[in-house]
Amino acid sequence: MAIIIDCGYDDSLVFNANEKFHQRLLKENIPHDYIVRPGHHDVAYWDNAISYHILFFKKYFERA
């Protein structure tokens, strides 16, 4: 399974929930990528982030 969590520090909508989820995954030793960068939950943030997501899943599916 491939899990990627990507959130801006200024994303008041989901930042705290993502951080809690990340900590739980660490506690359970579940592999995942956790990315936190400056930004909000807006088009500018996701316009930049989408390239990383595409690369993440490309590498995942090439392994399969």
PDB file of N, CA and C in Angstrom:
ATOM      1  N   MET A   1       0.842  -1.163   0.000  1.00  0.00           N
ATOM      2  CA  MET A   1       0.000   0.000   0.000  1.00  0.00           C
ATOM      3  C   MET A   1       0.896   1.238   0.000  1.00  0.00           C
ATOM      4  N   ALA A   2       0.492   2.253  -0.710  1.00  0.00           N
ATOM      5  CA  ALA A   2       1.234   3.509  -0.760  1.00  0.00           C
ATOM      6  C   ALA A   2       0.384   4.599  -0.120  1.00  0.00           C
ATOM      7  N   ILE A   3       0.932   5.231   0.895  1.00  0.00           N
ATOM      8  CA  ILE A   3       0.222   6.309   1.578  1.00  0.00           C
ATOM      9  C   ILE A   3       1.081   7.566   1.507  1.00  0.00           C
ATOM     10  N   ILE A   4       0.481   8.630   1.041  1.00  0.00           N
ATOM     11  CA  ILE A   4       1.142   9.925   1.031  1.00  0.00           C
ATOM     12  C   ILE A   4       0.205  10.939   1.678  1.00  0.00           C
ATOM     13  N   ILE A   5       0.751  11.706   2.601  1.00  0.00           N
ATOM     14  CA  ILE A   5       0.006  12.759   3.276  1.00  0.00           C
ATOM     15  C   ILE A   5       0.752  14.051   2.984  1.00  0.00           C
ATOM     16  N   ASP A   6       0.063  15.030   2.462  1.00  0.00           N
ATOM     17  CA  ASP A   6       0.694  16.286   2.062  1.00  0.00           C
ATOM     18  C   ASP A   6      -0.193  17.425   2.533  1.00  0.00           C
ATOM     19  N   CYS A   7       0.394  18.309   3.320  1.00  0.00           N
ATOM     20  CA  CYS A   7      -0.421  19.364   3.924  1.00  0.00           C
ATOM     21  C   CYS A   7       0.418  20.618   4.142  1.00  0.00           C
ATOM     22  N   GLY A   8      -0.211  21.763   3.993  1.00  0.00           N
ATOM     23  CA  GLY A   8       0.451  23.026   4.282  1.00  0.00           C
ATOM     24  C   GLY A   8       0.348  23.364   5.765  1.00  0.00           C
ATOM     25  N   TYR A   9       1.383  23.991   6.295  1.00  0.00           N
ATOM     26  CA  TYR A   9       1.360  24.405   7.706  1.00  0.00           C
ATOM     27  C   TYR A   9       0.168  25.310   8.012  1.00  0.00           C
ATOM     28  N   ASP A  10      -0.235  26.080   7.028  1.00  0.00           N
ATOM     29  CA  ASP A  10      -1.308  27.049   7.242  1.00  0.00           C
ATOM     30  C   ASP A  10      -2.687  26.505   6.876  1.00  0.00           C
ATOM     31  N   ASP A  11      -2.793  25.205   6.665  1.00  0.00           N
ATOM     32  CA  ASP A  11      -4.065  24.580   6.303  1.00  0.00           C
ATOM     33  C   ASP A  11      -4.842  24.273   7.577  1.00  0.00           C
ATOM     34  N   SER A  12      -5.589  25.255   8.044  1.00  0.00           N
ATOM     35  CA  SER A  12      -6.316  25.086   9.303  1.00  0.00           C
ATOM     36  C   SER A  12      -7.431  24.051   9.185  1.00  0.00           C
ATOM     37  N   LEU A  13      -7.799  23.704   7.975  1.00  0.00           N
ATOM     38  CA  LEU A  13      -8.861  22.729   7.752  1.00  0.00           C
ATOM     39  C   LEU A  13      -8.453  21.321   8.193  1.00  0.00           C
ATOM     40  N   VAL A  14      -7.241  20.898   7.837  1.00  0.00           N
ATOM     41  CA  VAL A  14      -6.862  19.506   8.089  1.00  0.00           C
ATOM     42  C   VAL A  14      -5.485  19.293   8.710  1.00  0.00           C
ATOM     43  N   PHE A  15      -4.737  20.340   8.965  1.00  0.00           N
ATOM     44  CA  PHE A  15      -3.369  20.155   9.452  1.00  0.00           C
ATOM     45  C   PHE A  15      -3.319  19.294  10.717  1.00  0.00           C
ATOM     46  N   ASN A  16      -4.107  19.617  11.722  1.00  0.00           N
ATOM     47  CA  ASN A  16      -4.066  18.867  12.988  1.00  0.00           C
ATOM     48  C   ASN A  16      -4.476  17.402  12.803  1.00  0.00           C
ATOM     49  N   ALA A  17      -5.471  17.160  11.991  1.00  0.00           N
ATOM     50  CA  ALA A  17      -5.911  15.786  11.734  1.00  0.00           C
ATOM     51  C   ALA A  17      -4.812  15.001  11.012  1.00  0.00           C
ATOM     52  N   ASN A  18      -4.158  15.625  10.045  1.00  0.00           N
ATOM     53  CA  ASN A  18      -3.073  14.950   9.325  1.00  0.00           C
ATOM     54  C   ASN A  18      -1.905  14.649  10.250  1.00  0.00           C
ATOM     55  N   GLU A  19      -1.585  15.579  11.135  1.00  0.00           N
ATOM     56  CA  GLU A  19      -0.491  15.354  12.081  1.00  0.00           C
ATOM     57  C   GLU A  19      -0.807  14.181  13.011  1.00  0.00           C
ATOM     58  N   LYS A  20      -2.036  14.100  13.504  1.00  0.00           N
ATOM     59  CA  LYS A  20      -2.437  12.987  14.375  1.00  0.00           C
ATOM     60  C   LYS A  20      -2.380  11.655  13.617  1.00  0.00           C
ATOM     61  N   PHE A  21      -2.849  11.675  12.373  1.00  0.00           N
ATOM     62  CA  PHE A  21      -2.817  10.468  11.554  1.00  0.00           C
ATOM     63  C   PHE A  21      -1.379  10.022  11.320  1.00  0.00           C
ATOM     64  N   HIS A  22      -0.502  10.955  11.008  1.00  0.00           N
ATOM     65  CA  HIS A  22       0.921  10.671  10.813  1.00  0.00           C
ATOM     66  C   HIS A  22       1.519  10.029  12.071  1.00  0.00           C
ATOM     67  N   GLN A  23       1.237  10.590  13.225  1.00  0.00           N
ATOM     68  CA  GLN A  23       1.763  10.043  14.482  1.00  0.00           C
ATOM     69  C   GLN A  23       1.243   8.628  14.728  1.00  0.00           C
ATOM     70  N   ARG A  24      -0.005   8.387  14.396  1.00  0.00           N
ATOM     71  CA  ARG A  24      -0.583   7.049  14.568  1.00  0.00           C
ATOM     72  C   ARG A  24       0.083   6.041  13.636  1.00  0.00           C
ATOM     73  N   LEU A  25       0.311   6.450  12.390  1.00  0.00           N
ATOM     74  CA  LEU A  25       0.992   5.569  11.446  1.00  0.00           C
ATOM     75  C   LEU A  25       2.405   5.239  11.919  1.00  0.00           C
ATOM     76  N   LEU A  26       3.094   6.232  12.474  1.00  0.00           N
ATOM     77  CA  LEU A  26       4.430   5.976  13.025  1.00  0.00           C
ATOM     78  C   LEU A  26       4.356   4.974  14.166  1.00  0.00           C
ATOM     79  N   LYS A  27       3.396   5.173  15.058  1.00  0.00           N
ATOM     80  CA  LYS A  27       3.233   4.283  16.214  1.00  0.00           C
ATOM     81  C   LYS A  27       2.964   2.843  15.771  1.00  0.00           C
ATOM     82  N   GLU A  28       2.212   2.686  14.705  1.00  0.00           N
ATOM     83  CA  GLU A  28       1.852   1.356  14.204  1.00  0.00           C
ATOM     84  C   GLU A  28       2.867   0.817  13.182  1.00  0.00           C
ATOM     85  N   ASN A  29       3.959   1.558  12.964  1.00  0.00           N
ATOM     86  CA  ASN A  29       4.985   1.161  11.991  1.00  0.00           C
ATOM     87  C   ASN A  29       4.425   0.938  10.591  1.00  0.00           C
ATOM     88  N   ILE A  30       3.543   1.813  10.182  1.00  0.00           N
ATOM     89  CA  ILE A  30       2.953   1.735   8.846  1.00  0.00           C
ATOM     90  C   ILE A  30       3.713   2.700   7.941  1.00  0.00           C
ATOM     91  N   PRO A  31       4.337   2.187   6.890  1.00  0.00           N
ATOM     92  CA  PRO A  31       5.114   3.057   5.999  1.00  0.00           C
ATOM     93  C   PRO A  31       4.224   4.097   5.312  1.00  0.00           C
ATOM     94  N   HIS A  32       4.748   5.300   5.227  1.00  0.00           N
ATOM     95  CA  HIS A  32       4.030   6.379   4.565  1.00  0.00           C
ATOM     96  C   HIS A  32       4.978   7.536   4.322  1.00  0.00           C
ATOM     97  N   ASP A  33       4.590   8.402   3.407  1.00  0.00           N
ATOM     98  CA  ASP A  33       5.317   9.649   3.185  1.00  0.00           C
ATOM     99  C   ASP A  33       4.479  10.771   3.785  1.00  0.00           C
ATOM    100  N   TYR A  34       5.119  11.613   4.567  1.00  0.00           N
ATOM    101  CA  TYR A  34       4.429  12.730   5.217  1.00  0.00           C
ATOM    102  C   TYR A  34       5.149  14.007   4.828  1.00  0.00           C
ATOM    103  N   ILE A  35       4.448  14.875   4.132  1.00  0.00           N
ATOM    104  CA  ILE A  35       5.025  16.115   3.631  1.00  0.00           C
ATOM    105  C   ILE A  35       4.260  17.281   4.238  1.00  0.00           C
ATOM    106  N   VAL A  36       4.996  18.194   4.857  1.00  0.00           N
ATOM    107  CA  VAL A  36       4.397  19.422   5.380  1.00  0.00           C
ATOM    108  C   VAL A  36       5.271  20.575   4.893  1.00  0.00           C
ATOM    109  N   ARG A  37       4.633  21.513   4.230  1.00  0.00           N
ATOM    110  CA  ARG A  37       5.352  22.669   3.676  1.00  0.00           C
ATOM    111  C   ARG A  37       4.534  23.924   3.947  1.00  0.00           C
ATOM    112  N   PRO A  38       5.155  25.076   3.800  1.00  0.00           N
ATOM    113  CA  PRO A  38       4.379  26.314   3.957  1.00  0.00           C
ATOM    114  C   PRO A  38       3.244  26.371   2.939  1.00  0.00           C
ATOM    115  N   GLY A  39       2.113  26.868   3.368  1.00  0.00           N
ATOM    116  CA  GLY A  39       1.007  27.043   2.431  1.00  0.00           C
ATOM    117  C   GLY A  39      -0.339  26.732   3.033  1.00  0.00           C
ATOM    118  N   HIS A  40      -1.349  27.034   2.242  1.00  0.00           N
ATOM    119  CA  HIS A  40      -2.750  26.816   2.610  1.00  0.00           C
ATOM    120  C   HIS A  40      -3.318  25.696   1.742  1.00  0.00           C
ATOM    121  N   HIS A  41      -4.565  25.357   1.986  1.00  0.00           N
ATOM    122  CA  HIS A  41      -5.277  24.380   1.159  1.00  0.00           C
ATOM    123  C   HIS A  41      -5.890  25.151  -0.016  1.00  0.00           C
ATOM    124  N   ASP A  42      -5.042  25.485  -0.975  1.00  0.00           N
ATOM    125  CA  ASP A  42      -5.509  26.298  -2.101  1.00  0.00           C
ATOM    126  C   ASP A  42      -4.846  25.848  -3.398  1.00  0.00           C
ATOM    127  N   VAL A  43      -5.244  26.468  -4.483  1.00  0.00           N
ATOM    128  CA  VAL A  43      -4.748  26.090  -5.806  1.00  0.00           C
ATOM    129  C   VAL A  43      -3.232  26.249  -5.897  1.00  0.00           C
ATOM    130  N   ALA A  44      -2.693  27.301  -5.327  1.00  0.00           N
ATOM    131  CA  ALA A  44      -1.243  27.521  -5.396  1.00  0.00           C
ATOM    132  C   ALA A  44      -0.485  26.371  -4.731  1.00  0.00           C
ATOM    133  N   TYR A  45      -0.967  25.921  -3.579  1.00  0.00           N
ATOM    134  CA  TYR A  45      -0.304  24.812  -2.881  1.00  0.00           C
ATOM    135  C   TYR A  45      -0.368  23.549  -3.727  1.00  0.00           C
ATOM    136  N   TRP A  46      -1.556  23.198  -4.199  1.00  0.00           N
ATOM    137  CA  TRP A  46      -1.722  21.942  -4.918  1.00  0.00           C
ATOM    138  C   TRP A  46      -1.120  21.969  -6.313  1.00  0.00           C
ATOM    139  N   ASP A  47      -1.029  23.159  -6.903  1.00  0.00           N
ATOM    140  CA  ASP A  47      -0.362  23.270  -8.192  1.00  0.00           C
ATOM    141  C   ASP A  47       1.103  22.832  -8.063  1.00  0.00           C
ATOM    142  N   ASN A  48       1.717  23.143  -6.947  1.00  0.00           N
ATOM    143  CA  ASN A  48       3.091  22.720  -6.684  1.00  0.00           C
ATOM    144  C   ASN A  48       3.145  21.253  -6.230  1.00  0.00           C
ATOM    145  N   ALA A  49       2.225  20.853  -5.375  1.00  0.00           N
ATOM    146  CA  ALA A  49       2.273  19.521  -4.759  1.00  0.00           C
ATOM    147  C   ALA A  49       1.971  18.389  -5.734  1.00  0.00           C
ATOM    148  N   ILE A  50       1.166  18.640  -6.734  1.00  0.00           N
ATOM    149  CA  ILE A  50       0.715  17.559  -7.614  1.00  0.00           C
ATOM    150  C   ILE A  50       1.879  16.859  -8.308  1.00  0.00           C
ATOM    151  N   SER A  51       2.937  17.583  -8.628  1.00  0.00           N
ATOM    152  CA  SER A  51       4.106  16.957  -9.266  1.00  0.00           C
ATOM    153  C   SER A  51       4.737  15.904  -8.359  1.00  0.00           C
ATOM    154  N   TYR A  52       4.787  16.190  -7.060  1.00  0.00           N
ATOM    155  CA  TYR A  52       5.341  15.234  -6.099  1.00  0.00           C
ATOM    156  C   TYR A  52       4.444  14.004  -5.980  1.00  0.00           C
ATOM    157  N   HIS A  53       3.152  14.211  -6.030  1.00  0.00           N
ATOM    158  CA  HIS A  53       2.221  13.087  -5.930  1.00  0.00           C
ATOM    159  C   HIS A  53       2.329  12.183  -7.150  1.00  0.00           C
ATOM    160  N   ILE A  54       2.420  12.787  -8.314  1.00  0.00           N
ATOM    161  CA  ILE A  54       2.553  11.990  -9.536  1.00  0.00           C
ATOM    162  C   ILE A  54       3.834  11.155  -9.488  1.00  0.00           C
ATOM    163  N   LEU A  55       4.935  11.756  -9.068  1.00  0.00           N
ATOM    164  CA  LEU A  55       6.192  11.025  -8.945  1.00  0.00           C
ATOM    165  C   LEU A  55       6.083   9.895  -7.920  1.00  0.00           C
ATOM    166  N   PHE A  56       5.459  10.162  -6.775  1.00  0.00           N
ATOM    167  CA  PHE A  56       5.270   9.166  -5.723  1.00  0.00           C
ATOM    168  C   PHE A  56       4.539   7.937  -6.270  1.00  0.00           C
ATOM    169  N   PHE A  57       3.415   8.160  -6.943  1.00  0.00           N
ATOM    170  CA  PHE A  57       2.629   7.032  -7.436  1.00  0.00           C
ATOM    171  C   PHE A  57       3.268   6.384  -8.662  1.00  0.00           C
ATOM    172  N   LYS A  58       3.970   7.141  -9.469  1.00  0.00           N
ATOM    173  CA  LYS A  58       4.693   6.557 -10.595  1.00  0.00           C
ATOM    174  C   LYS A  58       5.708   5.547 -10.093  1.00  0.00           C
ATOM    175  N   LYS A  59       6.492   5.940  -9.089  1.00  0.00           N
ATOM    176  CA  LYS A  59       7.482   5.022  -8.527  1.00  0.00           C
ATOM    177  C   LYS A  59       6.807   3.815  -7.883  1.00  0.00           C
ATOM    178  N   TYR A  60       5.678   4.026  -7.232  1.00  0.00           N
ATOM    179  CA  TYR A  60       4.967   2.916  -6.596  1.00  0.00           C
ATOM    180  C   TYR A  60       4.511   1.900  -7.648  1.00  0.00           C
ATOM    181  N   PHE A  61       3.884   2.370  -8.713  1.00  0.00           N
ATOM    182  CA  PHE A  61       3.364   1.454  -9.717  1.00  0.00           C
ATOM    183  C   PHE A  61       4.466   0.816 -10.556  1.00  0.00           C
ATOM    184  N   GLU A  62       5.608   1.450 -10.680  1.00  0.00           N
ATOM    185  CA  GLU A  62       6.721   0.834 -11.382  1.00  0.00           C
ATOM    186  C   GLU A  62       7.315  -0.326 -10.586  1.00  0.00           C
ATOM    187  N   ARG A  63       7.182  -0.284  -9.270  1.00  0.00           N
ATOM    188  CA  ARG A  63       7.677  -1.380  -8.425  1.00  0.00           C
ATOM    189  C   ARG A  63       6.787  -2.605  -8.516  1.00  0.00           C
ATOM    190  N   ALA A  64       5.514  -2.385  -8.708  1.00  0.00           N
ATOM    191  CA  ALA A  64       4.531  -3.483  -8.675  1.00  0.00           C
ATOM    192  C   ALA A  64       4.690  -4.437  -9.834  1.00  0.00           C
TER     193      ALA A  64
END
